[in-house]
Amino acid sequence: MSKNTTTIAKHYESLHDGDLTMIGLQPKMDCSNIWTEGYGKAMIVNGGFLKGEHNKEIAYQNITLHTEQEALEDLENRYKKNESFVRSKLVREVSQNMIDALCLHYDNCGYSSSLYFYVNKGMNDELKQFWLNHYIKSGGNVRNGLIKRRACEYHFAVTGIIDFEAYKIYNITLQ
């Protein structure tokens, strides 16, 4: 896992829920109301995502990451697995930046056969349009944070440059 990948993941995944009255890391809900811990690790209980404010107590009972070091180790382990998966879906050579960006995307969104279709076919214009315009909704609503994240991932994939305001480069209007 590259330092750049860690930088991007840490930027978009807050480590803490902001409750400074409690010692250690606490879980938090993402914009889809899925409970996460550490740097974006979705909490799975009984084989499914743990969702909703009503499951706060269950989320706190199922914490597995207690320190920033544990959160970083978890992030690194997830990305090692992600990279193996990403590489297994590629049928042509791509840059390490593209692999890293695909790992970021996969960790946040899961597998997208359409995304890999465009990457594998080298369809650059279509890839750009797909990456910038898909996986930007949560709960049926477009989310500015997801717009920014997708633009940052895409920009990093094609340029190797981290730009947390890349949406401006692509003239994307926030909602």
N, C-alpha and C. Protein backbone atom coordinates (compact mmCIF):
# COMPACT_ATOMS: atom_id res chain seq x y z
N MET A 1 0.86 -1.18 0.00
CA MET A 1 0.00 0.00 0.00
C MET A 1 0.90 1.22 0.00
N SER A 2 0.69 2.08 -0.96
CA SER A 2 1.54 3.26 -1.08
C SER A 2 1.15 4.34 -0.08
N LYS A 3 2.08 5.21 0.18
CA LYS A 3 1.81 6.36 1.06
C LYS A 3 0.68 7.20 0.47
N ASN A 4 0.64 7.33 -0.84
CA ASN A 4 -0.42 8.11 -1.49
C ASN A 4 -1.79 7.50 -1.24
N THR A 5 -1.87 6.17 -1.33
CA THR A 5 -3.14 5.50 -1.10
C THR A 5 -3.60 5.73 0.33
N THR A 6 -2.67 5.61 1.27
CA THR A 6 -2.99 5.85 2.68
C THR A 6 -3.47 7.28 2.88
N THR A 7 -2.80 8.23 2.24
CA THR A 7 -3.18 9.64 2.36
C THR A 7 -4.61 9.87 1.89
N ILE A 8 -4.96 9.30 0.76
CA ILE A 8 -6.32 9.47 0.22
C ILE A 8 -7.34 8.79 1.12
N ALA A 9 -7.07 7.55 1.51
CA ALA A 9 -8.02 6.83 2.37
C ALA A 9 -8.23 7.58 3.68
N LYS A 10 -7.17 8.04 4.30
CA LYS A 10 -7.29 8.74 5.58
C LYS A 10 -8.04 10.06 5.43
N HIS A 11 -7.91 10.69 4.28
CA HIS A 11 -8.61 11.96 4.05
C HIS A 11 -10.12 11.76 4.03
N TYR A 12 -10.57 10.68 3.40
CA TYR A 12 -12.00 10.47 3.23
C TYR A 12 -12.64 9.62 4.33
N GLU A 13 -11.84 8.96 5.13
CA GLU A 13 -12.37 8.12 6.20
C GLU A 13 -11.91 8.67 7.54
N SER A 14 -12.80 9.32 8.26
CA SER A 14 -12.42 9.85 9.56
C SER A 14 -12.16 8.70 10.50
N LEU A 15 -11.21 8.90 11.38
CA LEU A 15 -10.81 7.84 12.30
C LEU A 15 -11.71 7.76 13.51
N HIS A 16 -12.37 8.83 13.83
CA HIS A 16 -13.06 8.94 15.12
C HIS A 16 -14.43 9.56 14.91
N ASP A 17 -15.34 9.25 15.80
CA ASP A 17 -16.69 9.81 15.67
C ASP A 17 -16.80 11.22 16.23
N GLY A 18 -15.73 11.71 16.85
CA GLY A 18 -15.74 13.07 17.39
C GLY A 18 -16.12 13.15 18.85
N ASP A 19 -16.53 12.06 19.46
CA ASP A 19 -16.90 12.05 20.88
C ASP A 19 -15.64 11.95 21.72
N LEU A 20 -15.16 13.08 22.19
CA LEU A 20 -13.93 13.10 22.96
C LEU A 20 -14.14 12.77 24.43
N THR A 21 -15.37 12.48 24.82
CA THR A 21 -15.63 12.10 26.21
C THR A 21 -15.27 10.65 26.46
N MET A 22 -15.06 9.89 25.38
CA MET A 22 -14.70 8.48 25.51
C MET A 22 -13.26 8.27 25.08
N ILE A 23 -12.57 7.40 25.78
CA ILE A 23 -11.19 7.07 25.44
C ILE A 23 -11.18 6.09 24.28
N GLY A 24 -10.23 6.26 23.38
CA GLY A 24 -10.07 5.33 22.26
C GLY A 24 -10.95 5.67 21.09
N LEU A 25 -10.94 4.77 20.13
CA LEU A 25 -11.70 4.96 18.90
C LEU A 25 -13.12 4.45 19.08
N GLN A 26 -14.05 5.16 18.53
CA GLN A 26 -15.44 4.72 18.53
C GLN A 26 -15.90 4.53 17.09
N PRO A 27 -16.85 3.63 16.89
CA PRO A 27 -17.41 3.47 15.54
C PRO A 27 -18.22 4.70 15.15
N LYS A 28 -18.45 4.84 13.86
CA LYS A 28 -19.26 5.94 13.35
C LYS A 28 -20.05 5.44 12.15
N MET A 29 -21.11 6.13 11.82
CA MET A 29 -21.90 5.76 10.64
C MET A 29 -21.43 6.56 9.44
N ASP A 30 -21.38 5.90 8.30
CA ASP A 30 -21.06 6.60 7.06
C ASP A 30 -22.34 7.21 6.48
N CYS A 31 -22.24 7.80 5.30
CA CYS A 31 -23.40 8.48 4.72
C CYS A 31 -24.50 7.51 4.31
N SER A 32 -24.21 6.22 4.29
CA SER A 32 -25.23 5.21 4.00
C SER A 32 -25.78 4.58 5.28
N ASN A 33 -25.44 5.18 6.41
CA ASN A 33 -25.85 4.69 7.73
C ASN A 33 -25.27 3.33 8.08
N ILE A 34 -24.16 2.97 7.46
CA ILE A 34 -23.43 1.75 7.81
C ILE A 34 -22.41 2.12 8.87
N TRP A 35 -22.40 1.34 9.94
CA TRP A 35 -21.42 1.55 11.00
C TRP A 35 -20.05 1.12 10.51
N THR A 36 -19.06 1.98 10.74
CA THR A 36 -17.68 1.70 10.37
C THR A 36 -16.79 1.94 11.58
N GLU A 37 -15.59 1.37 11.51
CA GLU A 37 -14.59 1.65 12.54
C GLU A 37 -13.24 1.82 11.85
N GLY A 38 -12.30 2.41 12.59
CA GLY A 38 -10.99 2.65 12.01
C GLY A 38 -11.12 3.56 10.81
N TYR A 39 -10.37 3.25 9.76
CA TYR A 39 -10.42 4.02 8.53
C TYR A 39 -11.36 3.34 7.53
N GLY A 40 -12.66 3.39 7.82
CA GLY A 40 -13.66 2.95 6.86
C GLY A 40 -13.96 1.46 6.82
N LYS A 41 -13.57 0.71 7.84
CA LYS A 41 -13.88 -0.72 7.88
C LYS A 41 -15.35 -0.89 8.25
N ALA A 42 -16.14 -1.40 7.31
CA ALA A 42 -17.56 -1.62 7.58
C ALA A 42 -17.71 -2.69 8.65
N MET A 43 -18.62 -2.45 9.57
CA MET A 43 -18.87 -3.41 10.64
C MET A 43 -19.91 -4.42 10.14
N ILE A 44 -19.55 -5.69 10.20
CA ILE A 44 -20.40 -6.78 9.75
C ILE A 44 -20.87 -7.55 10.99
N VAL A 45 -22.16 -7.69 11.13
CA VAL A 45 -22.73 -8.46 12.24
C VAL A 45 -23.76 -9.42 11.65
N ASN A 46 -23.67 -10.68 12.03
CA ASN A 46 -24.58 -11.71 11.52
C ASN A 46 -24.61 -11.75 9.99
N GLY A 47 -23.44 -11.57 9.38
CA GLY A 47 -23.32 -11.70 7.93
C GLY A 47 -23.75 -10.51 7.11
N GLY A 48 -24.11 -9.40 7.75
CA GLY A 48 -24.54 -8.22 6.99
C GLY A 48 -24.02 -6.93 7.60
N PHE A 49 -24.10 -5.86 6.82
CA PHE A 49 -23.68 -4.56 7.33
C PHE A 49 -24.52 -4.17 8.53
N LEU A 50 -23.88 -3.65 9.54
CA LEU A 50 -24.60 -3.11 10.70
C LEU A 50 -25.00 -1.69 10.34
N LYS A 51 -26.30 -1.42 10.33
CA LYS A 51 -26.80 -0.12 9.87
C LYS A 51 -27.72 0.51 10.90
N GLY A 52 -27.75 1.84 10.88
CA GLY A 52 -28.76 2.60 11.61
C GLY A 52 -28.39 2.98 13.02
N GLU A 53 -28.88 4.16 13.40
CA GLU A 53 -28.65 4.70 14.74
C GLU A 53 -29.14 3.74 15.82
N HIS A 54 -30.21 3.02 15.54
CA HIS A 54 -30.76 2.10 16.53
C HIS A 54 -29.79 0.96 16.87
N ASN A 55 -28.73 0.78 16.07
CA ASN A 55 -27.73 -0.26 16.32
C ASN A 55 -26.45 0.28 16.94
N LYS A 56 -26.50 1.48 17.49
CA LYS A 56 -25.31 2.10 18.07
C LYS A 56 -24.71 1.23 19.17
N GLU A 57 -25.53 0.72 20.06
CA GLU A 57 -25.02 -0.10 21.16
C GLU A 57 -24.33 -1.36 20.63
N ILE A 58 -24.93 -1.97 19.61
CA ILE A 58 -24.33 -3.17 19.01
C ILE A 58 -22.99 -2.81 18.36
N ALA A 59 -22.94 -1.67 17.70
CA ALA A 59 -21.68 -1.23 17.08
C ALA A 59 -20.60 -1.07 18.14
N TYR A 60 -20.94 -0.44 19.25
CA TYR A 60 -19.95 -0.23 20.30
C TYR A 60 -19.52 -1.56 20.93
N GLN A 61 -20.41 -2.52 20.98
CA GLN A 61 -20.08 -3.83 21.55
C GLN A 61 -19.19 -4.65 20.62
N ASN A 62 -19.18 -4.30 19.34
CA ASN A 62 -18.43 -5.08 18.35
C ASN A 62 -17.16 -4.40 17.86
N ILE A 63 -16.68 -3.42 18.58
CA ILE A 63 -15.45 -2.73 18.20
C ILE A 63 -14.28 -3.72 18.20
N THR A 64 -13.50 -3.71 17.13
CA THR A 64 -12.30 -4.54 17.06
C THR A 64 -11.03 -3.71 16.95
N LEU A 65 -11.17 -2.43 16.59
CA LEU A 65 -10.02 -1.55 16.43
C LEU A 65 -10.05 -0.50 17.53
N HIS A 66 -9.04 -0.49 18.37
CA HIS A 66 -9.05 0.39 19.55
C HIS A 66 -8.04 1.52 19.49
N THR A 67 -7.01 1.40 18.62
CA THR A 67 -5.97 2.42 18.54
C THR A 67 -5.76 2.82 17.09
N GLU A 68 -5.12 3.96 16.90
CA GLU A 68 -4.81 4.39 15.53
C GLU A 68 -3.89 3.39 14.85
N GLN A 69 -2.95 2.81 15.58
CA GLN A 69 -2.06 1.81 15.00
C GLN A 69 -2.84 0.60 14.49
N GLU A 70 -3.82 0.14 15.27
CA GLU A 70 -4.66 -0.98 14.82
C GLU A 70 -5.45 -0.58 13.57
N ALA A 71 -5.93 0.65 13.54
CA ALA A 71 -6.69 1.13 12.38
C ALA A 71 -5.80 1.18 11.13
N LEU A 72 -4.57 1.62 11.29
CA LEU A 72 -3.64 1.67 10.16
C LEU A 72 -3.29 0.27 9.68
N GLU A 73 -3.07 -0.66 10.62
CA GLU A 73 -2.77 -2.04 10.24
C GLU A 73 -3.95 -2.67 9.51
N ASP A 74 -5.16 -2.40 9.99
CA ASP A 74 -6.35 -2.91 9.31
C ASP A 74 -6.45 -2.35 7.90
N LEU A 75 -6.22 -1.06 7.75
CA LEU A 75 -6.27 -0.43 6.43
C LEU A 75 -5.25 -1.07 5.50
N GLU A 76 -4.04 -1.27 5.98
CA GLU A 76 -3.00 -1.89 5.17
C GLU A 76 -3.38 -3.32 4.78
N ASN A 77 -3.90 -4.08 5.72
CA ASN A 77 -4.31 -5.46 5.42
C ASN A 77 -5.45 -5.51 4.41
N ARG A 78 -6.42 -4.61 4.55
CA ARG A 78 -7.51 -4.56 3.58
C ARG A 78 -7.00 -4.23 2.19
N TYR A 79 -6.07 -3.30 2.10
CA TYR A 79 -5.57 -2.89 0.79
C TYR A 79 -4.70 -3.96 0.15
N LYS A 80 -4.01 -4.76 0.95
CA LYS A 80 -3.27 -5.89 0.38
C LYS A 80 -4.24 -6.87 -0.27
N LYS A 81 -5.33 -7.17 0.43
CA LYS A 81 -6.36 -8.05 -0.14
C LYS A 81 -7.01 -7.41 -1.36
N ASN A 82 -7.30 -6.11 -1.25
CA ASN A 82 -7.92 -5.39 -2.37
C ASN A 82 -7.02 -5.43 -3.60
N GLU A 83 -5.71 -5.24 -3.39
CA GLU A 83 -4.81 -5.21 -4.54
C GLU A 83 -4.78 -6.57 -5.24
N SER A 84 -4.79 -7.64 -4.47
CA SER A 84 -4.83 -8.97 -5.09
C SER A 84 -6.11 -9.13 -5.92
N PHE A 85 -7.23 -8.70 -5.36
CA PHE A 85 -8.50 -8.78 -6.09
C PHE A 85 -8.46 -7.92 -7.35
N VAL A 86 -8.02 -6.67 -7.21
CA VAL A 86 -7.96 -5.75 -8.35
C VAL A 86 -7.10 -6.34 -9.45
N ARG A 87 -5.93 -6.81 -9.10
CA ARG A 87 -5.03 -7.37 -10.12
C ARG A 87 -5.66 -8.58 -10.81
N SER A 88 -6.46 -9.35 -10.07
CA SER A 88 -7.10 -10.53 -10.68
C SER A 88 -8.15 -10.14 -11.72
N LYS A 89 -8.63 -8.91 -11.68
CA LYS A 89 -9.67 -8.45 -12.61
C LYS A 89 -9.08 -7.70 -13.81
N LEU A 90 -7.79 -7.43 -13.79
CA LEU A 90 -7.15 -6.69 -14.88
C LEU A 90 -6.61 -7.64 -15.93
N VAL A 91 -6.84 -7.31 -17.19
CA VAL A 91 -6.34 -8.14 -18.28
C VAL A 91 -5.27 -7.41 -19.09
N ARG A 92 -4.92 -6.23 -18.66
CA ARG A 92 -3.84 -5.49 -19.34
C ARG A 92 -3.03 -4.76 -18.30
N GLU A 93 -1.85 -4.32 -18.68
CA GLU A 93 -0.98 -3.58 -17.79
C GLU A 93 -1.56 -2.18 -17.55
N VAL A 94 -1.56 -1.78 -16.29
CA VAL A 94 -1.95 -0.42 -15.93
C VAL A 94 -0.93 0.10 -14.93
N SER A 95 -0.94 1.40 -14.71
CA SER A 95 0.01 2.01 -13.78
C SER A 95 -0.31 1.61 -12.34
N GLN A 96 0.70 1.72 -11.48
CA GLN A 96 0.46 1.47 -10.06
C GLN A 96 -0.54 2.48 -9.51
N ASN A 97 -0.54 3.69 -10.03
CA ASN A 97 -1.52 4.69 -9.58
C ASN A 97 -2.95 4.21 -9.89
N MET A 98 -3.14 3.62 -11.05
CA MET A 98 -4.46 3.10 -11.41
C MET A 98 -4.84 1.97 -10.47
N ILE A 99 -3.91 1.07 -10.19
CA ILE A 99 -4.19 -0.04 -9.26
C ILE A 99 -4.56 0.51 -7.89
N ASP A 100 -3.79 1.48 -7.41
CA ASP A 100 -4.07 2.08 -6.11
C ASP A 100 -5.45 2.72 -6.09
N ALA A 101 -5.78 3.45 -7.14
CA ALA A 101 -7.09 4.11 -7.20
C ALA A 101 -8.22 3.09 -7.27
N LEU A 102 -8.01 2.00 -8.00
CA LEU A 102 -9.01 0.94 -8.06
C LEU A 102 -9.18 0.27 -6.69
N CYS A 103 -8.09 0.15 -5.95
CA CYS A 103 -8.18 -0.40 -4.58
C CYS A 103 -8.99 0.52 -3.68
N LEU A 104 -8.76 1.81 -3.80
CA LEU A 104 -9.54 2.78 -3.02
C LEU A 104 -11.02 2.68 -3.37
N HIS A 105 -11.31 2.62 -4.65
CA HIS A 105 -12.69 2.54 -5.13
C HIS A 105 -13.34 1.25 -4.63
N TYR A 106 -12.64 0.14 -4.77
CA TYR A 106 -13.17 -1.16 -4.35
C TYR A 106 -13.45 -1.17 -2.85
N ASP A 107 -12.55 -0.60 -2.06
CA ASP A 107 -12.73 -0.59 -0.61
C ASP A 107 -13.96 0.22 -0.22
N ASN A 108 -14.25 1.25 -0.97
CA ASN A 108 -15.39 2.11 -0.65
C ASN A 108 -16.70 1.65 -1.28
N CYS A 109 -16.63 1.07 -2.47
CA CYS A 109 -17.86 0.78 -3.24
C CYS A 109 -18.10 -0.70 -3.52
N GLY A 110 -17.06 -1.50 -3.41
CA GLY A 110 -17.18 -2.89 -3.85
C GLY A 110 -16.81 -3.00 -5.32
N TYR A 111 -17.05 -4.16 -5.88
CA TYR A 111 -16.66 -4.46 -7.26
C TYR A 111 -17.65 -3.85 -8.25
N SER A 112 -17.09 -3.26 -9.30
CA SER A 112 -17.89 -2.72 -10.40
C SER A 112 -17.39 -3.31 -11.71
N SER A 113 -18.14 -4.22 -12.30
CA SER A 113 -17.72 -4.83 -13.56
C SER A 113 -17.61 -3.78 -14.67
N SER A 114 -18.45 -2.77 -14.62
CA SER A 114 -18.39 -1.71 -15.64
C SER A 114 -17.09 -0.93 -15.56
N LEU A 115 -16.67 -0.60 -14.35
CA LEU A 115 -15.42 0.15 -14.17
C LEU A 115 -14.25 -0.64 -14.76
N TYR A 116 -14.19 -1.93 -14.46
CA TYR A 116 -13.09 -2.76 -14.96
C TYR A 116 -13.20 -2.98 -16.47
N PHE A 117 -14.40 -3.00 -17.00
CA PHE A 117 -14.58 -3.10 -18.45
C PHE A 117 -13.88 -1.93 -19.13
N TYR A 118 -14.14 -0.72 -18.64
CA TYR A 118 -13.52 0.47 -19.24
C TYR A 118 -12.02 0.50 -19.04
N VAL A 119 -11.55 0.11 -17.87
CA VAL A 119 -10.11 0.06 -17.61
C VAL A 119 -9.46 -0.95 -18.54
N ASN A 120 -10.02 -2.15 -18.62
CA ASN A 120 -9.42 -3.22 -19.41
C ASN A 120 -9.45 -2.95 -20.90
N LYS A 121 -10.43 -2.22 -21.37
CA LYS A 121 -10.53 -1.90 -22.80
C LYS A 121 -9.75 -0.64 -23.15
N GLY A 122 -9.22 0.05 -22.14
CA GLY A 122 -8.49 1.29 -22.40
C GLY A 122 -9.38 2.38 -22.94
N MET A 123 -10.65 2.35 -22.56
CA MET A 123 -11.63 3.33 -23.05
C MET A 123 -11.58 4.56 -22.15
N ASN A 124 -10.62 5.43 -22.42
CA ASN A 124 -10.32 6.53 -21.50
C ASN A 124 -11.46 7.51 -21.30
N ASP A 125 -12.11 7.94 -22.37
CA ASP A 125 -13.22 8.89 -22.21
C ASP A 125 -14.38 8.26 -21.45
N GLU A 126 -14.69 7.03 -21.80
CA GLU A 126 -15.78 6.32 -21.12
C GLU A 126 -15.43 6.05 -19.65
N LEU A 127 -14.17 5.70 -19.40
CA LEU A 127 -13.72 5.47 -18.03
C LEU A 127 -13.87 6.74 -17.21
N LYS A 128 -13.44 7.84 -17.76
CA LYS A 128 -13.56 9.12 -17.05
C LYS A 128 -15.02 9.41 -16.72
N GLN A 129 -15.89 9.31 -17.69
CA GLN A 129 -17.31 9.60 -17.46
C GLN A 129 -17.92 8.66 -16.42
N PHE A 130 -17.58 7.38 -16.53
CA PHE A 130 -18.13 6.41 -15.58
C PHE A 130 -17.64 6.70 -14.17
N TRP A 131 -16.32 6.86 -14.03
CA TRP A 131 -15.73 7.03 -12.71
C TRP A 131 -16.27 8.28 -12.02
N LEU A 132 -16.43 9.34 -12.78
CA LEU A 132 -16.86 10.61 -12.19
C LEU A 132 -18.36 10.68 -11.93
N ASN A 133 -19.14 9.83 -12.57
CA ASN A 133 -20.60 9.96 -12.48
C ASN A 133 -21.32 8.80 -11.81
N HIS A 134 -20.60 7.79 -11.38
CA HIS A 134 -21.21 6.64 -10.71
C HIS A 134 -20.66 6.52 -9.29
N TYR A 135 -21.44 5.89 -8.44
CA TYR A 135 -21.07 5.70 -7.04
C TYR A 135 -20.89 7.03 -6.33
N ILE A 136 -21.78 7.96 -6.66
CA ILE A 136 -21.77 9.28 -6.02
C ILE A 136 -23.05 9.51 -5.21
N LYS A 137 -23.87 8.45 -5.11
CA LYS A 137 -25.12 8.56 -4.37
C LYS A 137 -25.09 7.65 -3.14
N SER A 138 -25.82 8.09 -2.15
CA SER A 138 -26.06 7.28 -0.96
C SER A 138 -27.48 7.57 -0.51
N GLY A 139 -28.24 6.52 -0.25
CA GLY A 139 -29.63 6.70 0.13
C GLY A 139 -30.44 7.39 -0.95
N GLY A 140 -30.03 7.20 -2.22
CA GLY A 140 -30.74 7.79 -3.34
C GLY A 140 -30.39 9.25 -3.61
N ASN A 141 -29.51 9.82 -2.80
CA ASN A 141 -29.15 11.23 -2.95
C ASN A 141 -27.68 11.38 -3.34
N VAL A 142 -27.41 12.31 -4.25
CA VAL A 142 -26.04 12.63 -4.61
C VAL A 142 -25.38 13.26 -3.39
N ARG A 143 -24.16 12.81 -3.08
CA ARG A 143 -23.41 13.30 -1.92
C ARG A 143 -22.15 14.00 -2.39
N ASN A 144 -21.98 15.24 -1.95
CA ASN A 144 -20.80 16.01 -2.35
C ASN A 144 -19.50 15.31 -1.98
N GLY A 145 -19.48 14.67 -0.81
CA GLY A 145 -18.27 13.96 -0.39
C GLY A 145 -17.91 12.83 -1.35
N LEU A 146 -18.93 12.16 -1.87
CA LEU A 146 -18.67 11.08 -2.83
C LEU A 146 -18.27 11.63 -4.19
N ILE A 147 -18.82 12.76 -4.59
CA ILE A 147 -18.39 13.42 -5.83
C ILE A 147 -16.90 13.75 -5.73
N LYS A 148 -16.52 14.36 -4.62
CA LYS A 148 -15.12 14.73 -4.42
C LYS A 148 -14.21 13.51 -4.39
N ARG A 149 -14.68 12.47 -3.72
CA ARG A 149 -13.88 11.25 -3.60
C ARG A 149 -13.66 10.59 -4.95
N ARG A 150 -14.72 10.44 -5.75
CA ARG A 150 -14.58 9.83 -7.07
C ARG A 150 -13.64 10.65 -7.95
N ALA A 151 -13.76 11.97 -7.91
CA ALA A 151 -12.89 12.82 -8.73
C ALA A 151 -11.44 12.70 -8.29
N CYS A 152 -11.20 12.65 -6.99
CA CYS A 152 -9.85 12.49 -6.47
C CYS A 152 -9.26 11.14 -6.90
N GLU A 153 -10.06 10.07 -6.77
CA GLU A 153 -9.60 8.74 -7.18
C GLU A 153 -9.23 8.73 -8.66
N TYR A 154 -10.13 9.26 -9.48
CA TYR A 154 -9.90 9.23 -10.93
C TYR A 154 -8.65 10.04 -11.28
N HIS A 155 -8.56 11.23 -10.71
CA HIS A 155 -7.42 12.09 -11.01
C HIS A 155 -6.11 11.43 -10.61
N PHE A 156 -6.10 10.80 -9.44
CA PHE A 156 -4.91 10.09 -9.00
C PHE A 156 -4.61 8.92 -9.94
N ALA A 157 -5.64 8.21 -10.37
CA ALA A 157 -5.45 7.06 -11.26
C ALA A 157 -4.75 7.45 -12.55
N VAL A 158 -5.13 8.58 -13.12
CA VAL A 158 -4.61 8.96 -14.44
C VAL A 158 -3.40 9.89 -14.40
N THR A 159 -3.20 10.56 -13.25
CA THR A 159 -2.07 11.51 -13.19
C THR A 159 -1.03 11.16 -12.14
N GLY A 160 -1.43 10.39 -11.12
CA GLY A 160 -0.54 10.12 -10.00
C GLY A 160 -0.46 11.26 -9.01
N ILE A 161 -1.32 12.25 -9.18
CA ILE A 161 -1.33 13.43 -8.31
C ILE A 161 -2.57 13.39 -7.42
N ILE A 162 -2.34 13.59 -6.13
CA ILE A 162 -3.46 13.68 -5.19
C ILE A 162 -3.97 15.11 -5.20
N ASP A 163 -5.25 15.26 -5.50
CA ASP A 163 -5.88 16.58 -5.48
C ASP A 163 -7.28 16.41 -4.91
N PHE A 164 -7.45 16.85 -3.66
CA PHE A 164 -8.74 16.69 -3.00
C PHE A 164 -9.81 17.63 -3.54
N GLU A 165 -9.42 18.50 -4.45
CA GLU A 165 -10.37 19.37 -5.13
C GLU A 165 -10.39 19.11 -6.63
N ALA A 166 -10.08 17.87 -7.01
CA ALA A 166 -10.03 17.50 -8.43
C ALA A 166 -11.36 17.70 -9.13
N TYR A 167 -12.45 17.68 -8.38
CA TYR A 167 -13.76 17.91 -9.02
C TYR A 167 -13.77 19.24 -9.75
N LYS A 168 -13.00 20.21 -9.28
CA LYS A 168 -12.93 21.51 -9.95
C LYS A 168 -12.23 21.39 -11.30
N ILE A 169 -11.21 20.54 -11.37
CA ILE A 169 -10.48 20.32 -12.62
C ILE A 169 -11.42 19.80 -13.70
N TYR A 170 -12.37 18.95 -13.28
CA TYR A 170 -13.29 18.33 -14.23
C TYR A 170 -14.61 19.09 -14.34
N ASN A 171 -14.62 20.30 -13.81
CA ASN A 171 -15.78 21.19 -13.88
C ASN A 171 -17.06 20.54 -13.35
N ILE A 172 -16.92 19.85 -12.25
CA ILE A 172 -18.07 19.19 -11.62
C ILE A 172 -18.67 20.16 -10.60
N THR A 173 -19.96 20.36 -10.71
CA THR A 173 -20.68 21.23 -9.78
C THR A 173 -21.18 20.41 -8.61
N LEU A 174 -20.90 20.87 -7.42
CA LEU A 174 -21.39 20.17 -6.24
C LEU A 174 -22.86 20.46 -6.05
N GLN A 175 -23.56 19.56 -5.40
CA GLN A 175 -24.99 19.68 -5.20
C GLN A 175 -25.31 20.59 -4.03
